[in-house]
Amino acid sequence: MDDPHIRKARPDDVEALVACIDAAYAHYADRISDLPPVSDGCAQDIAENRVWVAVEGDEIVGCLFLVPGDGFLTLTNVAVHPDHRGKGLGRVLMAFCEDEARRQGFTEMRLNTHAAMPENVRLYAHLGWVETARDGNTVSMRKRL
C-alpha cells in the first residue's frame, strides 16, 4: 500500500467523511442492533475536536477522531472504507493517532468499542491496548504511551 496522505479534516470534507464512515460500519449493522449512528455530528466534530482523514488521490478512505481529556486523549472513532481494508491503513491510522497524542504531550490514550466487534478488541490488544472495563456492550481500553 502506498502511504496515505493524512491531513486534518476540513468543513468541506463532511459529506465524503460521512460516506466513508457509513460504509465502514455497514457490515456491523446486521449483527449489532444497538449500533449508534456513528457518522452523526461530523461537522461539529471537525469544528470542535481533532479529526483527521486519510486521503488517496482525492478520495477519503479512512479517518480518526480524537478528543482531549484530562491527562489523556480519547480515540472516539477510527474507520477505513471497506474498499481499502486489508492494506494496512487501519494500522497506519492507529500509529498516527499515537504519534499525534505524543506530539500533543499526552502519555495515555483511551477508547471504547462495542463488545460485538471482537476483531477490533483483538486488534487493539495486539497493538498494545489493554482492556480496562466492560459495561453492557461497551469495552473500554487504554494505552500508555
Protein backbone atom coordinates (compact mmCIF):
# COMPACT_ATOMS: atom_id res chain seq x y z
CA MET A 1 0.00 0.00 0.00
CA ASP A 2 1.25 3.48 -0.80
CA ASP A 3 1.45 5.69 2.24
CA PRO A 4 -1.83 7.56 2.51
CA HIS A 5 -1.81 11.28 2.92
CA ILE A 6 -3.24 12.06 6.36
CA ARG A 7 -4.45 15.58 6.95
CA LYS A 8 -6.79 17.46 9.24
CA ALA A 9 -10.40 17.26 8.17
CA ARG A 10 -11.98 20.40 6.76
CA PRO A 11 -15.62 21.51 6.78
CA ASP A 12 -15.92 20.67 3.07
CA ASP A 13 -14.98 17.03 3.89
CA VAL A 14 -18.20 16.33 5.80
CA GLU A 15 -20.14 14.59 3.02
CA ALA A 16 -17.25 12.34 1.97
CA LEU A 17 -16.34 11.68 5.60
CA VAL A 18 -19.90 10.59 6.44
CA ALA A 19 -19.94 8.31 3.37
CA CYS A 20 -16.63 6.71 4.42
CA ILE A 21 -17.77 6.11 8.00
CA ASP A 22 -21.18 4.77 6.96
CA ALA A 23 -19.55 2.36 4.50
CA ALA A 24 -17.00 1.26 7.11
CA TYR A 25 -19.66 0.41 9.69
CA ALA A 26 -22.28 -1.02 7.29
CA HIS A 27 -21.15 -4.63 7.78
CA TYR A 28 -21.81 -4.34 11.52
CA ALA A 29 -25.47 -3.37 11.08
CA ASP A 30 -26.66 -6.98 10.76
CA ARG A 31 -25.03 -8.17 13.98
CA ILE A 32 -25.26 -5.08 16.19
CA SER A 33 -28.81 -3.91 16.77
CA ASP A 34 -27.74 -1.12 19.13
CA LEU A 35 -25.03 0.32 16.88
CA PRO A 36 -25.24 4.09 17.29
CA PRO A 37 -25.34 6.39 14.25
CA VAL A 38 -21.55 6.65 14.14
CA SER A 39 -21.35 9.35 11.47
CA ASP A 40 -23.74 11.76 13.18
CA GLY A 41 -22.19 15.06 14.16
CA CYS A 42 -19.20 15.00 11.80
CA ALA A 43 -19.44 18.71 11.05
CA GLN A 44 -19.47 19.54 14.75
CA ASP A 45 -16.59 17.13 15.43
CA ILE A 46 -14.49 18.78 12.72
CA ALA A 47 -15.19 22.19 14.25
CA GLU A 48 -14.65 21.21 17.90
CA ASN A 49 -12.30 18.22 18.03
CA ARG A 50 -9.31 16.75 16.28
CA VAL A 51 -10.42 14.92 13.16
CA TRP A 52 -8.05 13.57 10.53
CA VAL A 53 -8.74 11.96 7.19
CA ALA A 54 -6.65 9.54 5.15
CA VAL A 55 -6.77 10.51 1.50
CA GLU A 56 -5.74 8.59 -1.59
CA GLY A 57 -5.96 10.77 -4.65
CA ASP A 58 -8.98 12.93 -3.89
CA GLU A 59 -10.89 10.19 -2.03
CA ILE A 60 -11.29 10.00 1.75
CA VAL A 61 -10.51 6.36 2.54
CA GLY A 62 -10.19 6.49 6.31
CA CYS A 63 -10.46 8.73 9.32
CA LEU A 64 -9.88 9.12 13.00
CA PHE A 65 -11.42 11.33 15.66
CA LEU A 66 -9.55 12.37 18.79
CA VAL A 67 -10.94 14.21 21.81
CA PRO A 68 -8.67 15.55 24.55
CA GLY A 69 -9.50 14.62 28.13
CA ASP A 70 -7.94 15.42 31.46
CA GLY A 71 -4.49 13.87 31.02
CA PHE A 72 -5.42 11.55 28.16
CA LEU A 73 -6.53 11.62 24.54
CA THR A 74 -9.61 9.60 23.55
CA LEU A 75 -9.87 7.91 20.18
CA THR A 76 -13.60 8.22 19.58
CA ASN A 77 -13.68 6.80 16.06
CA VAL A 78 -11.38 5.19 13.55
CA ALA A 79 -12.73 3.91 10.26
CA VAL A 80 -11.42 2.56 6.97
CA HIS A 81 -13.59 2.41 3.87
CA PRO A 82 -14.26 -1.27 3.04
CA ASP A 83 -12.72 -0.87 -0.44
CA HIS A 84 -9.41 -0.12 1.29
CA ARG A 85 -9.38 -2.77 4.04
CA GLY A 86 -6.54 -5.22 4.22
CA LYS A 87 -3.94 -2.70 3.03
CA GLY A 88 -2.66 -1.74 6.48
CA LEU A 89 -4.45 1.62 6.57
CA GLY A 90 -6.03 0.90 9.97
CA ARG A 91 -2.60 0.31 11.48
CA VAL A 92 -1.28 3.48 9.81
CA LEU A 93 -4.15 5.47 11.34
CA MET A 94 -3.58 3.91 14.78
CA ALA A 95 0.15 4.71 14.65
CA PHE A 96 -0.67 8.24 13.52
CA CYS A 97 -3.05 8.84 16.42
CA GLU A 98 -0.47 7.59 18.93
CA ASP A 99 2.18 9.83 17.39
CA GLU A 100 -0.24 12.74 17.47
CA ALA A 101 -1.05 12.09 21.13
CA ARG A 102 2.65 12.11 21.98
CA ARG A 103 3.16 15.27 19.93
CA GLN A 104 0.42 16.95 21.95
CA GLY A 105 2.03 15.86 25.23
CA PHE A 106 -0.34 13.05 26.20
CA THR A 107 1.02 9.90 27.80
CA GLU A 108 -2.22 7.91 27.71
CA MET A 109 -4.90 7.17 25.14
CA ARG A 110 -8.35 5.70 25.71
CA LEU A 111 -11.08 4.27 23.54
CA ASN A 112 -14.40 2.46 23.74
CA THR A 113 -15.56 -0.17 21.29
CA HIS A 114 -18.53 -2.48 21.04
CA ALA A 115 -18.39 -5.97 22.55
CA ALA A 116 -19.88 -7.35 19.30
CA MET A 117 -16.73 -6.20 17.49
CA PRO A 118 -14.31 -8.77 18.93
CA GLU A 119 -11.99 -8.43 15.93
CA ASN A 120 -11.45 -4.79 16.88
CA VAL A 121 -10.78 -5.69 20.52
CA ARG A 122 -8.20 -8.26 19.35
CA LEU A 123 -6.56 -5.76 17.00
CA TYR A 124 -6.32 -3.09 19.69
CA ALA A 125 -4.88 -5.65 22.14
CA HIS A 126 -2.34 -6.70 19.51
CA LEU A 127 -1.36 -3.02 19.18
CA GLY A 128 -0.72 -2.76 22.92
CA TRP A 129 -4.08 -1.54 24.19
CA VAL A 130 -5.31 -3.02 27.47
CA GLU A 131 -8.95 -3.69 28.29
CA THR A 132 -9.90 -1.75 31.42
CA ALA A 133 -13.64 -2.37 31.75
CA ARG A 134 -16.79 -3.82 30.23
CA ASP A 135 -20.15 -2.22 30.82
CA GLY A 136 -23.01 -3.74 28.85
CA ASN A 137 -21.86 -3.72 25.23
CA THR A 138 -19.06 -1.22 25.83
CA VAL A 139 -15.45 -2.38 26.02
CA SER A 140 -13.13 0.30 27.40
CA MET A 141 -9.42 0.15 26.60
CA ARG A 142 -6.36 2.28 27.21
CA LYS A 143 -2.79 2.51 26.06
CA ARG A 144 0.03 4.21 27.89
CA LEU A 145 2.42 5.95 25.54
